[in-house]
N, C-alpha and C. Protein backbone atom coordinates (compact mmCIF):
# COMPACT_ATOMS: atom_id res chain seq x y z
N MET A 1 -38.09 -43.93 -29.60
CA MET A 1 -38.56 -43.21 -30.75
C MET A 1 -37.37 -42.66 -31.50
N ARG A 2 -37.33 -42.83 -32.79
CA ARG A 2 -36.24 -42.34 -33.61
C ARG A 2 -36.49 -40.90 -33.98
N SER A 3 -35.41 -40.19 -34.26
CA SER A 3 -35.56 -38.76 -34.57
C SER A 3 -36.45 -38.55 -35.78
N GLY A 4 -36.50 -39.47 -36.70
CA GLY A 4 -37.35 -39.33 -37.86
C GLY A 4 -38.82 -39.43 -37.52
N ASP A 5 -39.14 -39.96 -36.33
CA ASP A 5 -40.52 -40.13 -35.91
C ASP A 5 -41.05 -38.91 -35.17
N LEU A 6 -40.21 -37.94 -34.92
CA LEU A 6 -40.59 -36.79 -34.13
C LEU A 6 -41.16 -35.71 -35.02
N PRO A 7 -41.81 -34.72 -34.43
CA PRO A 7 -42.35 -33.65 -35.25
C PRO A 7 -41.26 -33.07 -36.13
N GLY A 8 -41.59 -32.86 -37.37
CA GLY A 8 -40.64 -32.35 -38.34
C GLY A 8 -40.44 -30.86 -38.20
N PRO A 9 -39.45 -30.36 -38.90
CA PRO A 9 -39.14 -28.94 -38.82
C PRO A 9 -40.33 -28.06 -39.18
N GLN A 10 -41.14 -28.51 -40.12
CA GLN A 10 -42.28 -27.69 -40.50
C GLN A 10 -43.25 -27.52 -39.34
N GLN A 11 -43.23 -28.41 -38.39
CA GLN A 11 -44.12 -28.30 -37.24
C GLN A 11 -43.51 -27.48 -36.12
N THR A 12 -42.21 -27.18 -36.23
CA THR A 12 -41.57 -26.39 -35.18
C THR A 12 -41.33 -24.95 -35.61
N ALA A 13 -41.57 -24.66 -36.87
CA ALA A 13 -41.35 -23.31 -37.38
C ALA A 13 -42.48 -22.39 -36.96
N SER A 14 -42.13 -21.14 -36.74
CA SER A 14 -43.17 -20.18 -36.42
C SER A 14 -43.90 -19.80 -37.69
N ALA A 15 -45.09 -19.23 -37.55
CA ALA A 15 -45.92 -18.89 -38.69
C ALA A 15 -45.25 -17.87 -39.60
N ASN A 16 -44.42 -17.00 -39.06
CA ASN A 16 -43.80 -15.96 -39.88
C ASN A 16 -42.34 -16.28 -40.21
N ALA A 17 -41.97 -17.54 -40.17
CA ALA A 17 -40.59 -17.95 -40.40
C ALA A 17 -40.22 -17.81 -41.87
N GLU A 18 -38.93 -17.58 -42.10
CA GLU A 18 -38.41 -17.57 -43.46
C GLU A 18 -38.50 -19.00 -44.00
N PRO A 19 -38.65 -19.17 -45.30
CA PRO A 19 -38.69 -20.51 -45.86
C PRO A 19 -37.33 -21.21 -45.68
N ALA A 20 -37.38 -22.52 -45.48
CA ALA A 20 -36.14 -23.30 -45.33
C ALA A 20 -35.31 -23.13 -46.59
N GLY A 21 -34.05 -22.87 -46.42
CA GLY A 21 -33.16 -22.77 -47.55
C GLY A 21 -32.45 -21.45 -47.65
N ASP A 22 -33.02 -20.38 -47.18
CA ASP A 22 -32.36 -19.08 -47.25
C ASP A 22 -31.75 -18.77 -45.90
N VAL A 23 -30.43 -18.92 -45.82
CA VAL A 23 -29.74 -18.69 -44.56
C VAL A 23 -29.36 -17.23 -44.35
N THR A 24 -29.48 -16.43 -45.40
CA THR A 24 -29.04 -15.04 -45.36
C THR A 24 -29.55 -14.26 -44.14
N PRO A 25 -30.84 -14.38 -43.78
CA PRO A 25 -31.31 -13.59 -42.64
C PRO A 25 -30.67 -13.98 -41.30
N PHE A 26 -29.96 -15.11 -41.26
CA PHE A 26 -29.46 -15.63 -40.00
C PHE A 26 -27.93 -15.59 -39.87
N VAL A 27 -27.26 -15.28 -40.95
CA VAL A 27 -25.79 -15.36 -40.96
C VAL A 27 -25.17 -14.49 -39.86
N ASP A 28 -25.65 -13.27 -39.71
CA ASP A 28 -25.08 -12.40 -38.68
C ASP A 28 -25.29 -12.96 -37.28
N ARG A 29 -26.41 -13.62 -37.07
CA ARG A 29 -26.71 -14.17 -35.74
C ARG A 29 -25.84 -15.36 -35.38
N VAL A 30 -25.38 -16.10 -36.38
CA VAL A 30 -24.59 -17.30 -36.08
C VAL A 30 -23.09 -17.07 -36.23
N ARG A 31 -22.70 -15.96 -36.83
CA ARG A 31 -21.28 -15.67 -37.02
C ARG A 31 -20.57 -15.70 -35.66
N GLY A 32 -19.47 -16.43 -35.61
CA GLY A 32 -18.69 -16.52 -34.38
C GLY A 32 -19.20 -17.56 -33.39
N THR A 33 -20.22 -18.32 -33.78
CA THR A 33 -20.74 -19.39 -32.92
C THR A 33 -20.34 -20.73 -33.51
N ASN A 34 -20.77 -21.81 -32.88
CA ASN A 34 -20.51 -23.14 -33.44
C ASN A 34 -21.64 -23.58 -34.36
N ILE A 35 -22.51 -22.66 -34.74
CA ILE A 35 -23.57 -22.93 -35.72
C ILE A 35 -23.04 -22.50 -37.08
N SER A 36 -23.11 -23.38 -38.04
CA SER A 36 -22.58 -23.12 -39.37
C SER A 36 -23.36 -22.02 -40.08
N GLU A 37 -22.65 -21.09 -40.67
CA GLU A 37 -23.28 -20.03 -41.46
C GLU A 37 -23.85 -20.58 -42.76
N THR A 38 -23.36 -21.72 -43.19
CA THR A 38 -23.81 -22.33 -44.44
C THR A 38 -25.06 -23.17 -44.24
N THR A 39 -25.09 -23.95 -43.15
CA THR A 39 -26.17 -24.93 -42.96
C THR A 39 -27.13 -24.58 -41.83
N LEU A 40 -26.70 -23.73 -40.92
CA LEU A 40 -27.45 -23.39 -39.69
C LEU A 40 -27.52 -24.56 -38.72
N LEU A 41 -26.63 -25.54 -38.87
CA LEU A 41 -26.56 -26.68 -37.97
C LEU A 41 -25.35 -26.53 -37.05
N ALA A 42 -25.45 -27.12 -35.85
CA ALA A 42 -24.37 -27.05 -34.86
C ALA A 42 -23.80 -28.44 -34.60
N THR A 43 -22.48 -28.50 -34.52
CA THR A 43 -21.81 -29.77 -34.27
C THR A 43 -22.07 -30.31 -32.87
N ASP A 44 -22.51 -29.47 -31.95
CA ASP A 44 -22.77 -29.93 -30.58
C ASP A 44 -23.74 -31.11 -30.54
N TYR A 45 -24.62 -31.20 -31.51
CA TYR A 45 -25.58 -32.31 -31.55
C TYR A 45 -24.87 -33.65 -31.60
N LEU A 46 -23.73 -33.69 -32.24
CA LEU A 46 -23.02 -34.96 -32.39
C LEU A 46 -22.46 -35.49 -31.08
N ASN A 47 -22.36 -34.63 -30.05
CA ASN A 47 -21.94 -35.10 -28.73
C ASN A 47 -22.86 -36.19 -28.21
N HIS A 48 -24.13 -36.08 -28.54
CA HIS A 48 -25.11 -37.09 -28.12
C HIS A 48 -24.72 -38.48 -28.65
N PHE A 49 -24.19 -38.53 -29.84
CA PHE A 49 -23.80 -39.80 -30.45
C PHE A 49 -22.39 -40.22 -30.04
N ASN A 50 -21.52 -39.26 -29.83
CA ASN A 50 -20.18 -39.60 -29.35
C ASN A 50 -20.24 -40.28 -27.99
N GLU A 51 -21.18 -39.86 -27.16
CA GLU A 51 -21.34 -40.47 -25.82
C GLU A 51 -21.68 -41.95 -25.92
N ILE A 52 -22.63 -42.31 -26.78
CA ILE A 52 -23.03 -43.71 -26.88
C ILE A 52 -21.92 -44.54 -27.54
N VAL A 53 -21.21 -43.96 -28.48
CA VAL A 53 -20.10 -44.69 -29.09
C VAL A 53 -19.04 -45.01 -28.04
N MET A 54 -18.74 -44.05 -27.18
CA MET A 54 -17.76 -44.30 -26.10
C MET A 54 -18.25 -45.39 -25.16
N LEU A 55 -19.53 -45.39 -24.83
CA LEU A 55 -20.07 -46.45 -23.97
C LEU A 55 -19.96 -47.81 -24.64
N ILE A 56 -20.33 -47.87 -25.91
CA ILE A 56 -20.27 -49.14 -26.64
C ILE A 56 -18.83 -49.64 -26.72
N GLU A 57 -17.88 -48.74 -26.91
CA GLU A 57 -16.47 -49.12 -26.96
C GLU A 57 -16.03 -49.82 -25.68
N MET A 58 -16.60 -49.46 -24.55
CA MET A 58 -16.21 -50.03 -23.25
C MET A 58 -16.81 -51.41 -23.00
N VAL A 59 -17.88 -51.75 -23.67
CA VAL A 59 -18.62 -52.98 -23.36
C VAL A 59 -17.78 -54.24 -23.46
N PRO A 60 -16.93 -54.43 -24.47
CA PRO A 60 -16.15 -55.68 -24.50
C PRO A 60 -15.27 -55.87 -23.27
N ASP A 61 -14.73 -54.79 -22.72
CA ASP A 61 -13.87 -54.90 -21.54
C ASP A 61 -14.65 -54.80 -20.24
N MET A 62 -15.80 -54.17 -20.30
CA MET A 62 -16.65 -54.00 -19.12
C MET A 62 -18.11 -54.28 -19.52
N PRO A 63 -18.46 -55.56 -19.64
CA PRO A 63 -19.79 -55.93 -20.12
C PRO A 63 -20.95 -55.32 -19.32
N GLU A 64 -20.69 -54.97 -18.08
CA GLU A 64 -21.74 -54.34 -17.27
C GLU A 64 -22.15 -52.98 -17.83
N MET A 65 -21.32 -52.38 -18.70
CA MET A 65 -21.65 -51.10 -19.31
C MET A 65 -22.77 -51.22 -20.33
N LEU A 66 -23.08 -52.45 -20.74
CA LEU A 66 -24.16 -52.62 -21.72
C LEU A 66 -25.48 -52.11 -21.17
N ASP A 67 -25.73 -52.34 -19.88
CA ASP A 67 -26.98 -51.85 -19.30
C ASP A 67 -27.08 -50.33 -19.42
N GLU A 68 -25.99 -49.64 -19.15
CA GLU A 68 -26.00 -48.18 -19.29
C GLU A 68 -26.18 -47.77 -20.75
N ALA A 69 -25.50 -48.48 -21.65
CA ALA A 69 -25.62 -48.17 -23.07
C ALA A 69 -27.06 -48.38 -23.56
N LYS A 70 -27.71 -49.41 -23.05
CA LYS A 70 -29.09 -49.69 -23.48
C LYS A 70 -30.07 -48.63 -22.98
N GLU A 71 -29.69 -47.87 -21.97
CA GLU A 71 -30.55 -46.79 -21.47
C GLU A 71 -30.52 -45.57 -22.38
N TRP A 72 -29.49 -45.47 -23.21
CA TRP A 72 -29.36 -44.35 -24.14
C TRP A 72 -30.53 -44.35 -25.12
N ARG A 73 -31.05 -43.20 -25.41
CA ARG A 73 -32.14 -43.06 -26.37
C ARG A 73 -31.78 -42.00 -27.39
N PRO A 74 -32.11 -42.26 -28.65
CA PRO A 74 -31.86 -41.23 -29.66
C PRO A 74 -32.68 -39.98 -29.35
N LYS A 75 -32.11 -38.85 -29.68
CA LYS A 75 -32.81 -37.58 -29.54
C LYS A 75 -32.73 -36.86 -30.87
N SER A 76 -33.81 -36.23 -31.24
CA SER A 76 -33.76 -35.40 -32.43
C SER A 76 -32.87 -34.20 -32.14
N TYR A 77 -32.54 -33.49 -33.16
CA TYR A 77 -31.72 -32.29 -33.05
C TYR A 77 -32.38 -31.32 -32.06
N VAL A 78 -33.65 -31.07 -32.25
CA VAL A 78 -34.37 -30.13 -31.39
C VAL A 78 -34.45 -30.66 -29.95
N GLU A 79 -34.73 -31.94 -29.77
CA GLU A 79 -34.77 -32.52 -28.42
C GLU A 79 -33.43 -32.37 -27.71
N HIS A 80 -32.36 -32.61 -28.44
CA HIS A 80 -31.03 -32.49 -27.85
C HIS A 80 -30.80 -31.08 -27.31
N PHE A 81 -31.06 -30.09 -28.13
CA PHE A 81 -30.80 -28.71 -27.71
C PHE A 81 -31.82 -28.23 -26.68
N ALA A 82 -33.02 -28.78 -26.70
CA ALA A 82 -34.02 -28.40 -25.69
C ALA A 82 -33.58 -28.85 -24.30
N GLY A 83 -32.75 -29.89 -24.24
CA GLY A 83 -32.29 -30.41 -22.96
C GLY A 83 -31.01 -29.75 -22.45
N LEU A 84 -30.52 -28.76 -23.15
CA LEU A 84 -29.28 -28.09 -22.76
C LEU A 84 -29.55 -26.70 -22.22
N ALA A 85 -28.60 -26.21 -21.48
CA ALA A 85 -28.71 -24.85 -20.95
C ALA A 85 -27.50 -24.04 -21.41
N THR A 86 -27.21 -24.13 -22.71
CA THR A 86 -26.09 -23.37 -23.26
C THR A 86 -26.63 -22.09 -23.87
N PRO A 87 -25.77 -21.11 -24.02
CA PRO A 87 -26.23 -19.84 -24.59
C PRO A 87 -26.83 -19.97 -25.99
N LEU A 88 -26.37 -20.95 -26.74
CA LEU A 88 -26.83 -21.05 -28.12
C LEU A 88 -27.93 -22.08 -28.33
N HIS A 89 -28.36 -22.77 -27.27
CA HIS A 89 -29.33 -23.84 -27.48
C HIS A 89 -30.65 -23.33 -28.06
N LEU A 90 -31.12 -22.20 -27.60
CA LEU A 90 -32.37 -21.66 -28.14
C LEU A 90 -32.21 -21.23 -29.59
N LEU A 91 -31.06 -20.68 -29.94
CA LEU A 91 -30.80 -20.28 -31.31
C LEU A 91 -30.75 -21.52 -32.22
N ALA A 92 -30.10 -22.58 -31.77
CA ALA A 92 -30.03 -23.81 -32.55
C ALA A 92 -31.43 -24.35 -32.82
N ILE A 93 -32.29 -24.32 -31.82
CA ILE A 93 -33.67 -24.79 -31.98
C ILE A 93 -34.43 -23.87 -32.94
N GLU A 94 -34.30 -22.59 -32.75
CA GLU A 94 -35.00 -21.62 -33.59
C GLU A 94 -34.61 -21.76 -35.06
N LEU A 95 -33.35 -22.02 -35.32
CA LEU A 95 -32.87 -22.04 -36.70
C LEU A 95 -33.09 -23.36 -37.42
N TYR A 96 -33.36 -24.43 -36.68
CA TYR A 96 -33.48 -25.74 -37.33
C TYR A 96 -34.53 -25.75 -38.46
N PRO A 97 -35.68 -25.13 -38.29
CA PRO A 97 -36.64 -25.13 -39.40
C PRO A 97 -36.13 -24.40 -40.65
N HIS A 98 -35.08 -23.62 -40.51
CA HIS A 98 -34.55 -22.85 -41.63
C HIS A 98 -33.36 -23.52 -42.30
N VAL A 99 -32.95 -24.67 -41.78
CA VAL A 99 -31.83 -25.40 -42.39
C VAL A 99 -32.22 -25.73 -43.83
N PRO A 100 -31.39 -25.37 -44.79
CA PRO A 100 -31.72 -25.68 -46.18
C PRO A 100 -31.95 -27.17 -46.37
N THR A 101 -32.97 -27.49 -47.13
CA THR A 101 -33.35 -28.88 -47.37
C THR A 101 -32.18 -29.70 -47.91
N LYS A 102 -31.34 -29.08 -48.73
CA LYS A 102 -30.22 -29.82 -49.31
C LYS A 102 -29.24 -30.31 -48.25
N TYR A 103 -29.30 -29.73 -47.05
CA TYR A 103 -28.48 -30.20 -45.92
C TYR A 103 -29.32 -31.00 -44.93
N ARG A 104 -30.54 -30.54 -44.67
CA ARG A 104 -31.36 -31.21 -43.67
C ARG A 104 -31.69 -32.65 -44.06
N VAL A 105 -32.02 -32.89 -45.31
CA VAL A 105 -32.39 -34.24 -45.72
C VAL A 105 -31.22 -35.22 -45.56
N PRO A 106 -30.02 -34.93 -46.11
CA PRO A 106 -28.93 -35.88 -45.88
C PRO A 106 -28.51 -35.97 -44.41
N PHE A 107 -28.64 -34.86 -43.69
CA PHE A 107 -28.31 -34.87 -42.25
C PHE A 107 -29.25 -35.82 -41.51
N GLU A 108 -30.55 -35.65 -41.70
CA GLU A 108 -31.52 -36.51 -41.01
C GLU A 108 -31.40 -37.96 -41.46
N THR A 109 -31.08 -38.18 -42.75
CA THR A 109 -30.87 -39.54 -43.24
C THR A 109 -29.67 -40.18 -42.55
N THR A 110 -28.59 -39.44 -42.45
CA THR A 110 -27.38 -39.95 -41.81
C THR A 110 -27.62 -40.24 -40.33
N ILE A 111 -28.32 -39.35 -39.65
CA ILE A 111 -28.63 -39.57 -38.23
C ILE A 111 -29.49 -40.82 -38.07
N GLY A 112 -30.47 -41.00 -38.94
CA GLY A 112 -31.30 -42.20 -38.89
C GLY A 112 -30.48 -43.46 -39.11
N GLN A 113 -29.53 -43.41 -40.05
CA GLN A 113 -28.66 -44.56 -40.28
C GLN A 113 -27.79 -44.84 -39.06
N LEU A 114 -27.27 -43.80 -38.46
CA LEU A 114 -26.44 -43.95 -37.26
C LEU A 114 -27.25 -44.56 -36.13
N GLU A 115 -28.46 -44.09 -35.94
CA GLU A 115 -29.32 -44.66 -34.90
C GLU A 115 -29.59 -46.14 -35.16
N GLY A 116 -29.77 -46.51 -36.43
CA GLY A 116 -29.99 -47.91 -36.78
C GLY A 116 -28.78 -48.78 -36.46
N VAL A 117 -27.59 -48.29 -36.78
CA VAL A 117 -26.36 -49.05 -36.48
C VAL A 117 -26.19 -49.19 -34.97
N ILE A 118 -26.46 -48.14 -34.24
CA ILE A 118 -26.36 -48.20 -32.77
C ILE A 118 -27.34 -49.22 -32.21
N ASP A 119 -28.59 -49.15 -32.67
CA ASP A 119 -29.61 -50.08 -32.19
C ASP A 119 -29.23 -51.53 -32.49
N ARG A 120 -28.79 -51.77 -33.71
CA ARG A 120 -28.40 -53.12 -34.10
C ARG A 120 -27.21 -53.61 -33.28
N THR A 121 -26.26 -52.73 -33.03
CA THR A 121 -25.07 -53.09 -32.26
C THR A 121 -25.44 -53.45 -30.83
N LEU A 122 -26.33 -52.66 -30.24
CA LEU A 122 -26.75 -52.96 -28.86
C LEU A 122 -27.50 -54.29 -28.78
N ARG A 123 -28.34 -54.57 -29.77
CA ARG A 123 -29.05 -55.86 -29.78
C ARG A 123 -28.07 -57.02 -29.97
N ASN A 124 -27.11 -56.85 -30.88
CA ASN A 124 -26.10 -57.89 -31.09
C ASN A 124 -25.25 -58.12 -29.85
N ALA A 125 -24.89 -57.05 -29.18
CA ALA A 125 -24.10 -57.17 -27.94
C ALA A 125 -24.91 -57.88 -26.87
N GLU A 126 -26.17 -57.53 -26.75
CA GLU A 126 -27.03 -58.17 -25.76
C GLU A 126 -27.16 -59.67 -26.05
N ASN A 127 -27.33 -60.03 -27.31
CA ASN A 127 -27.43 -61.45 -27.68
C ASN A 127 -26.13 -62.19 -27.38
N ALA A 128 -25.00 -61.58 -27.68
CA ALA A 128 -23.71 -62.23 -27.41
C ALA A 128 -23.51 -62.42 -25.91
N LEU A 129 -23.87 -61.42 -25.13
CA LEU A 129 -23.73 -61.55 -23.67
C LEU A 129 -24.68 -62.59 -23.10
N ALA A 130 -25.88 -62.66 -23.65
CA ALA A 130 -26.85 -63.67 -23.18
C ALA A 130 -26.30 -65.07 -23.40
N LYS A 131 -25.50 -65.24 -24.43
CA LYS A 131 -24.87 -66.54 -24.73
C LYS A 131 -23.51 -66.67 -24.08
N ASN A 132 -23.10 -65.63 -23.33
CA ASN A 132 -21.78 -65.58 -22.70
C ASN A 132 -20.67 -65.78 -23.73
N ASP A 133 -20.88 -65.26 -24.92
CA ASP A 133 -19.92 -65.39 -26.02
C ASP A 133 -19.13 -64.08 -26.13
N MET A 134 -18.07 -64.00 -25.37
CA MET A 134 -17.28 -62.78 -25.30
C MET A 134 -16.56 -62.49 -26.63
N ARG A 135 -16.20 -63.53 -27.34
CA ARG A 135 -15.57 -63.31 -28.65
C ARG A 135 -16.55 -62.67 -29.62
N ALA A 136 -17.77 -63.17 -29.67
CA ALA A 136 -18.79 -62.58 -30.54
C ALA A 136 -19.09 -61.15 -30.12
N LEU A 137 -19.12 -60.91 -28.81
CA LEU A 137 -19.36 -59.56 -28.31
C LEU A 137 -18.28 -58.61 -28.83
N ARG A 138 -17.04 -58.99 -28.66
CA ARG A 138 -15.92 -58.16 -29.10
C ARG A 138 -15.95 -57.97 -30.62
N ASP A 139 -16.20 -59.05 -31.35
CA ASP A 139 -16.22 -58.98 -32.82
C ASP A 139 -17.35 -58.08 -33.32
N ARG A 140 -18.54 -58.26 -32.78
CA ARG A 140 -19.69 -57.48 -33.27
C ARG A 140 -19.53 -56.00 -32.96
N ILE A 141 -19.03 -55.71 -31.79
CA ILE A 141 -18.82 -54.29 -31.45
C ILE A 141 -17.67 -53.73 -32.29
N GLY A 142 -16.60 -54.51 -32.43
CA GLY A 142 -15.47 -54.05 -33.23
C GLY A 142 -15.86 -53.73 -34.66
N VAL A 143 -16.72 -54.54 -35.25
CA VAL A 143 -17.16 -54.32 -36.62
C VAL A 143 -18.05 -53.08 -36.73
N ALA A 144 -18.82 -52.81 -35.71
CA ALA A 144 -19.80 -51.71 -35.77
C ALA A 144 -19.20 -50.34 -35.45
N LEU A 145 -18.10 -50.30 -34.73
CA LEU A 145 -17.55 -49.01 -34.32
C LEU A 145 -17.11 -48.15 -35.49
N ASP A 146 -16.48 -48.73 -36.49
CA ASP A 146 -16.03 -47.95 -37.63
C ASP A 146 -17.20 -47.30 -38.37
N PRO A 147 -18.26 -48.04 -38.69
CA PRO A 147 -19.40 -47.39 -39.34
C PRO A 147 -20.03 -46.29 -38.49
N MET A 148 -20.09 -46.49 -37.17
CA MET A 148 -20.63 -45.44 -36.31
C MET A 148 -19.79 -44.17 -36.41
N ARG A 149 -18.48 -44.35 -36.32
CA ARG A 149 -17.59 -43.19 -36.41
C ARG A 149 -17.67 -42.53 -37.79
N ARG A 150 -17.76 -43.36 -38.81
CA ARG A 150 -17.86 -42.80 -40.16
C ARG A 150 -19.15 -42.01 -40.34
N LEU A 151 -20.25 -42.52 -39.82
CA LEU A 151 -21.52 -41.80 -39.92
C LEU A 151 -21.48 -40.49 -39.13
N ILE A 152 -20.82 -40.49 -37.99
CA ILE A 152 -20.66 -39.25 -37.22
C ILE A 152 -19.82 -38.26 -38.04
N ASP A 153 -18.77 -38.76 -38.69
CA ASP A 153 -17.95 -37.89 -39.54
C ASP A 153 -18.76 -37.35 -40.71
N ILE A 154 -19.59 -38.18 -41.30
CA ILE A 154 -20.43 -37.72 -42.42
C ILE A 154 -21.41 -36.66 -41.93
N ALA A 155 -22.03 -36.89 -40.77
CA ALA A 155 -22.94 -35.89 -40.20
C ALA A 155 -22.21 -34.58 -39.94
N ALA A 156 -20.97 -34.67 -39.43
CA ALA A 156 -20.18 -33.46 -39.19
C ALA A 156 -19.89 -32.75 -40.51
N GLY A 157 -19.60 -33.52 -41.55
CA GLY A 157 -19.36 -32.93 -42.86
C GLY A 157 -20.59 -32.20 -43.37
N ILE A 158 -21.74 -32.79 -43.18
CA ILE A 158 -22.99 -32.16 -43.61
C ILE A 158 -23.21 -30.87 -42.82
N ILE A 159 -22.95 -30.93 -41.53
CA ILE A 159 -23.09 -29.72 -40.69
C ILE A 159 -22.23 -28.59 -41.25
N HIS A 160 -21.08 -28.95 -41.81
CA HIS A 160 -20.17 -27.94 -42.35
C HIS A 160 -20.38 -27.66 -43.84
N GLY A 161 -21.39 -28.28 -44.45
CA GLY A 161 -21.75 -27.92 -45.81
C GLY A 161 -21.72 -29.02 -46.85
N ALA A 162 -21.33 -30.24 -46.50
CA ALA A 162 -21.39 -31.34 -47.46
C ALA A 162 -22.86 -31.75 -47.63
N GLN A 163 -23.18 -32.36 -48.75
CA GLN A 163 -24.57 -32.72 -49.01
C GLN A 163 -24.77 -34.21 -49.21
N LYS A 164 -23.77 -35.02 -48.97
CA LYS A 164 -23.85 -36.45 -49.27
C LYS A 164 -24.11 -37.28 -48.03
N ALA A 165 -25.13 -38.11 -48.12
CA ALA A 165 -25.39 -39.13 -47.11
C ALA A 165 -25.09 -40.48 -47.76
N LEU A 166 -24.87 -41.49 -46.95
CA LEU A 166 -24.63 -42.83 -47.49
C LEU A 166 -25.96 -43.49 -47.85
N THR A 167 -25.91 -44.34 -48.86
CA THR A 167 -27.07 -45.16 -49.18
C THR A 167 -27.12 -46.33 -48.21
N GLN A 168 -28.26 -47.01 -48.16
CA GLN A 168 -28.36 -48.17 -47.27
C GLN A 168 -27.37 -49.25 -47.69
N ASP A 169 -27.15 -49.42 -48.98
CA ASP A 169 -26.17 -50.40 -49.45
C ASP A 169 -24.77 -50.07 -48.95
N GLU A 170 -24.41 -48.78 -48.95
CA GLU A 170 -23.11 -48.37 -48.45
C GLU A 170 -22.99 -48.65 -46.96
N ILE A 171 -24.07 -48.41 -46.22
CA ILE A 171 -24.08 -48.70 -44.78
C ILE A 171 -23.91 -50.20 -44.56
N ASP A 172 -24.68 -50.99 -45.29
CA ASP A 172 -24.59 -52.45 -45.14
C ASP A 172 -23.19 -52.96 -45.45
N SER A 173 -22.55 -52.38 -46.47
CA SER A 173 -21.20 -52.84 -46.80
C SER A 173 -20.20 -52.45 -45.71
N LEU A 174 -20.45 -51.34 -45.04
CA LEU A 174 -19.56 -50.94 -43.94
C LEU A 174 -19.60 -51.93 -42.79
N ILE A 175 -20.79 -52.45 -42.50
CA ILE A 175 -20.92 -53.34 -41.37
C ILE A 175 -20.96 -54.82 -41.77
N GLY A 176 -20.78 -55.06 -43.05
CA GLY A 176 -20.66 -56.43 -43.50
C GLY A 176 -21.95 -57.23 -43.46
N THR A 177 -23.09 -56.58 -43.68
CA THR A 177 -24.35 -57.34 -43.72
C THR A 177 -24.80 -57.57 -45.13
């Protein structure tokens, strides 16, 4: 299940929650944490994607790692933090419904694009391995790693206050499709 298919922020907000977009009531609570005072998003979420990128990087040299990589599943922002036992995980979950739309929309779009590139890369790697075509395996993974890293960088930028996500055409041009 992709993060876009999960319950949206409006379904996780409490009945008396502030409307999405006004971060003012939360700034004092996030000051000094890894949650942005501007966006109310935390960079820790990107660790979930850095892990799969590292696994995919290993596959050309250790093809047996593909099985482990295929076990990886996308998690929504809330799912990721719900699975952690860090001091700020509950705050990250609580604040997600309050993330200003101008950040949440490009953030969720970027995460969806990243999940798509990861899924496509894993399928391409599996097909190359099924054909025992190690050159195709190396080439397909090599081509996909840069867009994955770029999308993670874009998501990090959004977490810190940027509002730009890539269009599908920009994503396609990154991976040469």
